[in-house]
Amino acid sequence: MLAAFLLLLAQAAPVSGGASLKETSVASFEFLDPGTLTPLVRGEERTLAGGSTVVKKTSYRTATGLTPLQTEECRYNGRTLVVATYHYEDAGSGEMVDLKVASAKAQVTYRASHEDHARRATIDWTPTSHTGKELPDLILHNWERIGRGDNVYFELYVPFRLETIGFRAIRAEASIREPQATKPVTIRIEPRNWFIRQVAPSIAFTFDAAIMPPHLVRYDGPSPVDIHGERNRKVVIRF
């Protein structure tokens, strides 16, 4: 019932919220090699907001910051986290992801490279379906539940599969043993399916919880963008 209500709410109120968008923050971050902490990629994310709408525009560059690599944009409802559009493009390789949501369906497109044809599909999209860009907000929206050790279940869109897969967010065991306000607090993102968890790469978001709302400071897991043509390279992202 709650899921159905949130979906109706999101459809009844346009994601734009009837307000013009204004830039609310600009954040820089860097991808590091986990072993050597050598910088690999630099990024900048601009967040715009107006009414219920949140738009995150992200650009990725080489470690020197001189050469553009990829761009990413996600538009979603900041209250319900229901996504409206998502687009990612790597100008070098030609990889492209596009997603548009309307009436509980998503029109999705994926192209692996310049040489490949784009594949398209229409898939179900629910209020618990998300792209990777919304995961920090999803964690913060459920901070108290996760802090108690509860699982937060959701579906994560996997572009090259043209489908969503069931995942859960759960507080890491080491964090559970510490008070909620103690920093840092690490949240694991993992597949719900036990067998998939055994082979899937680990993903973790670490937050500084000394002040509220908690602040994202680190990501450990596969790179969300290609690095020197390598996909899913394990990285540390420092915010």
Protein backbone atom coordinates (compact mmCIF):
# COMPACT_ATOMS: atom_id res chain seq x y z
CA MET A 1 0.00 0.00 0.00
CA LEU A 2 2.79 2.46 0.87
CA ALA A 3 4.59 1.80 -2.40
CA ALA A 4 1.39 2.38 -4.36
CA PHE A 5 0.69 5.60 -2.47
CA LEU A 6 4.19 6.96 -3.12
CA LEU A 7 3.87 6.16 -6.81
CA LEU A 8 0.53 7.97 -7.05
CA LEU A 9 2.00 10.92 -5.16
CA ALA A 10 4.95 11.11 -7.51
CA GLN A 11 2.68 10.97 -10.57
CA ALA A 12 0.21 13.49 -9.18
CA ALA A 13 2.90 16.07 -8.41
CA PRO A 14 5.20 16.78 -11.37
CA VAL A 15 8.84 16.15 -10.59
CA SER A 16 9.62 19.76 -11.46
CA GLY A 17 7.49 20.92 -8.55
CA GLY A 18 6.56 23.98 -10.64
CA ALA A 19 9.69 25.83 -9.52
CA SER A 20 12.79 26.94 -11.37
CA LEU A 21 16.00 25.12 -10.55
CA LYS A 22 18.77 26.81 -8.61
CA GLU A 23 22.26 25.51 -7.97
CA THR A 24 22.53 24.44 -4.33
CA SER A 25 25.99 22.88 -4.17
CA VAL A 26 29.17 22.07 -6.09
CA ALA A 27 31.27 19.17 -4.85
CA SER A 28 34.63 17.88 -6.05
CA PHE A 29 35.88 14.34 -5.51
CA GLU A 30 38.61 11.98 -6.72
CA PHE A 31 38.96 8.31 -7.57
CA LEU A 32 42.00 6.65 -5.99
CA ASP A 33 43.75 3.34 -6.53
CA PRO A 34 42.95 1.32 -3.35
CA GLY A 35 46.51 0.02 -3.02
CA THR A 36 48.61 3.08 -3.77
CA LEU A 37 46.03 5.88 -3.31
CA THR A 38 47.23 7.27 -6.64
CA PRO A 39 44.64 9.64 -8.18
CA LEU A 40 42.92 8.07 -11.19
CA VAL A 41 39.95 10.31 -12.01
CA ARG A 42 38.68 13.67 -10.80
CA GLY A 43 35.04 14.58 -10.71
CA GLU A 44 32.72 17.48 -10.03
CA GLU A 45 29.05 17.26 -9.17
CA ARG A 46 26.65 20.18 -9.38
CA THR A 47 23.32 19.82 -7.59
CA LEU A 48 20.32 21.91 -8.62
CA ALA A 49 16.99 21.96 -6.83
CA GLY A 50 13.57 23.56 -7.17
CA GLY A 51 10.30 22.44 -5.61
CA SER A 52 10.51 18.66 -5.34
CA THR A 53 13.05 18.31 -8.15
CA VAL A 54 16.72 17.46 -7.65
CA VAL A 55 19.12 17.37 -10.60
CA LYS A 56 22.67 16.09 -10.25
CA LYS A 57 25.06 16.93 -13.10
CA THR A 58 28.40 15.16 -12.85
CA SER A 59 31.50 15.45 -15.00
CA TYR A 60 34.56 13.20 -14.86
CA ARG A 61 38.08 14.09 -16.00
CA THR A 62 41.53 12.55 -16.02
CA ALA A 63 43.64 12.72 -12.85
CA THR A 64 45.23 15.94 -14.12
CA GLY A 65 41.78 17.45 -14.51
CA LEU A 66 42.53 18.48 -18.11
CA THR A 67 40.82 15.86 -20.29
CA PRO A 68 37.02 15.30 -20.10
CA LEU A 69 36.03 11.65 -19.82
CA GLN A 70 32.35 11.13 -19.01
CA THR A 71 29.20 13.07 -18.14
CA GLU A 72 26.23 11.99 -16.09
CA GLU A 73 22.90 13.60 -15.24
CA CYS A 74 20.11 12.35 -12.99
CA ARG A 75 16.76 14.08 -12.34
CA TYR A 76 14.56 12.79 -9.55
CA ASN A 77 11.99 13.73 -6.91
CA GLY A 78 13.91 14.70 -3.78
CA ARG A 79 11.00 13.77 -1.50
CA THR A 80 10.11 10.34 -2.87
CA LEU A 81 13.40 9.57 -4.70
CA VAL A 82 11.40 8.54 -7.76
CA VAL A 83 13.68 9.09 -10.74
CA ALA A 84 12.46 10.91 -13.84
CA THR A 85 15.46 10.74 -16.18
CA TYR A 86 19.03 9.48 -16.14
CA HIS A 87 21.73 9.84 -18.79
CA TYR A 88 25.39 8.79 -18.89
CA GLU A 89 27.82 9.10 -21.77
CA ASP A 90 31.49 8.31 -22.33
CA ALA A 91 32.64 10.36 -25.32
CA GLY A 92 35.77 8.26 -25.73
CA SER A 93 34.38 4.72 -25.71
CA GLY A 94 30.88 5.63 -26.85
CA GLU A 95 29.21 3.88 -23.92
CA MET A 96 25.80 5.42 -23.32
CA VAL A 97 23.00 4.88 -20.81
CA ASP A 98 19.62 6.58 -21.08
CA LEU A 99 16.55 6.10 -18.90
CA LYS A 100 13.17 7.86 -18.89
CA VAL A 101 10.43 7.00 -16.39
CA ALA A 102 6.69 7.58 -16.84
CA SER A 103 3.59 5.79 -15.52
CA ALA A 104 5.50 3.07 -13.65
CA LYS A 105 7.49 2.12 -16.76
CA ALA A 106 11.01 3.01 -17.82
CA GLN A 107 12.21 3.37 -21.39
CA VAL A 108 15.84 2.27 -21.20
CA THR A 109 18.66 2.39 -23.76
CA TYR A 110 22.17 1.02 -23.51
CA ARG A 111 25.08 1.16 -25.95
CA ALA A 112 28.35 -0.50 -24.96
CA SER A 113 30.61 1.39 -27.40
CA HIS A 114 30.70 3.40 -30.61
CA GLU A 115 30.89 0.12 -32.55
CA ASP A 116 27.84 -1.45 -30.91
CA HIS A 117 24.19 -0.93 -31.68
CA ALA A 118 22.01 0.58 -28.98
CA ARG A 119 19.72 -1.88 -27.21
CA ARG A 120 16.33 -0.72 -25.94
CA ALA A 121 13.67 -2.08 -23.64
CA THR A 122 10.65 -1.11 -21.56
CA ILE A 123 10.83 -2.30 -17.96
CA ASP A 124 8.74 -1.97 -14.80
CA TRP A 125 9.77 0.90 -12.52
CA THR A 126 8.51 1.17 -8.95
CA PRO A 127 9.06 3.67 -6.12
CA THR A 128 11.82 1.38 -4.85
CA SER A 129 13.68 1.33 -8.20
CA HIS A 130 16.83 3.46 -8.26
CA THR A 131 19.93 4.33 -10.24
CA GLY A 132 23.33 4.43 -8.60
CA LYS A 133 23.22 8.23 -8.37
CA GLU A 134 20.41 8.14 -5.81
CA LEU A 135 22.03 5.67 -3.41
CA PRO A 136 23.55 8.24 -0.99
CA ASP A 137 20.14 9.95 -0.74
CA LEU A 138 18.43 6.58 -0.28
CA ILE A 139 20.75 5.84 2.65
CA LEU A 140 20.13 9.24 4.25
CA HIS A 141 16.36 8.90 3.80
CA ASN A 142 16.54 5.63 5.75
CA TRP A 143 19.30 6.60 8.19
CA GLU A 144 17.45 5.69 11.38
CA ARG A 145 16.30 2.31 10.04
CA ILE A 146 19.77 1.40 8.81
CA GLY A 147 21.26 2.64 12.08
CA ARG A 148 19.11 0.09 13.95
CA GLY A 149 20.58 -2.65 11.79
CA ASP A 150 17.49 -3.05 9.58
CA ASN A 151 17.79 -3.95 5.92
CA VAL A 152 16.48 -1.43 3.38
CA TYR A 153 15.44 -3.27 0.22
CA PHE A 154 15.38 -1.71 -3.23
CA GLU A 155 15.91 -2.48 -6.93
CA LEU A 156 19.06 -1.12 -8.58
CA TYR A 157 19.12 -0.47 -12.32
CA VAL A 158 21.93 -2.37 -14.08
CA PRO A 159 22.33 -0.67 -17.48
CA PHE A 160 24.11 -3.39 -19.49
CA ARG A 161 21.43 -5.90 -18.42
CA LEU A 162 18.54 -3.52 -19.19
CA GLU A 163 16.88 -4.51 -15.92
CA THR A 164 16.78 -3.91 -12.19
CA ILE A 165 18.18 -6.34 -9.62
CA GLY A 166 17.19 -6.63 -5.98
CA PHE A 167 19.67 -5.08 -3.52
CA ARG A 168 19.72 -4.12 0.14
CA ALA A 169 21.42 -1.42 2.19
CA ILE A 170 22.69 -2.55 5.59
CA ARG A 171 24.99 -1.09 8.21
CA ALA A 172 28.40 -2.77 8.30
CA GLU A 173 28.98 -5.00 11.32
CA ALA A 174 31.86 -2.88 12.64
CA SER A 175 29.60 0.19 12.54
CA ILE A 176 26.73 -1.55 14.34
CA ARG A 177 28.96 -2.12 17.38
CA GLU A 178 29.50 1.61 17.73
CA PRO A 179 26.99 4.31 18.76
CA GLN A 180 25.02 5.80 15.87
CA ALA A 181 26.66 9.21 16.32
CA THR A 182 30.18 7.78 16.21
CA LYS A 183 32.07 8.50 13.04
CA PRO A 184 32.58 7.00 10.57
CA VAL A 185 29.50 4.91 9.75
CA THR A 186 29.79 2.48 6.84
CA ILE A 187 26.79 1.23 4.88
CA ARG A 188 27.10 -1.81 2.63
CA ILE A 189 25.16 -2.13 -0.62
CA GLU A 190 24.77 -5.76 -1.65
CA PRO A 191 22.53 -8.04 -3.74
CA ARG A 192 19.63 -9.61 -1.90
CA ASN A 193 20.35 -12.96 -3.53
CA TRP A 194 22.87 -14.91 -1.44
CA PHE A 195 24.47 -16.60 -4.44
CA ILE A 196 24.97 -13.32 -6.29
CA ARG A 197 26.50 -11.82 -3.14
CA GLN A 198 29.25 -14.43 -3.22
CA VAL A 199 30.55 -13.23 -6.60
CA ALA A 200 29.45 -9.59 -6.75
CA PRO A 201 32.03 -6.90 -5.86
CA SER A 202 31.59 -5.27 -2.46
CA ILE A 203 30.17 -1.75 -2.33
CA ALA A 204 30.34 0.50 0.73
CA PHE A 205 29.48 4.14 1.47
CA THR A 206 31.09 5.74 4.52
CA PHE A 207 29.52 8.75 6.22
CA ASP A 208 30.75 11.19 8.84
CA ALA A 209 27.93 11.06 11.39
CA ALA A 210 29.40 13.56 13.85
CA ILE A 211 26.95 16.17 12.56
CA MET A 212 23.46 15.83 11.13
CA PRO A 213 22.66 15.19 8.41
CA PRO A 214 25.58 12.80 7.98
CA HIS A 215 28.10 13.69 5.27
CA LEU A 216 29.34 11.22 2.65
CA VAL A 217 33.13 11.01 2.83
CA ARG A 218 34.14 7.79 1.06
CA TYR A 219 33.07 5.11 -1.40
CA ASP A 220 34.72 1.70 -1.79
CA GLY A 221 33.77 -0.51 -4.70
CA PRO A 222 33.74 -0.87 -8.49
CA SER A 223 34.24 2.36 -10.41
CA PRO A 224 30.95 3.73 -11.80
CA VAL A 225 32.87 4.98 -14.87
CA ASP A 226 35.50 3.43 -17.15
CA ILE A 227 39.13 4.14 -16.25
CA HIS A 228 41.60 3.85 -19.13
CA GLY A 229 39.13 1.57 -20.89
CA GLU A 230 38.76 -0.72 -17.86
CA ARG A 231 35.26 -1.27 -16.53
CA ASN A 232 34.36 -1.90 -12.91
CA ARG A 233 37.89 -1.27 -11.66
CA LYS A 234 37.99 -1.31 -7.87
CA VAL A 235 38.46 2.21 -6.52
CA VAL A 236 38.24 4.41 -3.47
CA ILE A 237 36.34 7.65 -4.04
CA ARG A 238 37.20 10.40 -1.57
CA PHE A 239 34.66 13.21 -1.22
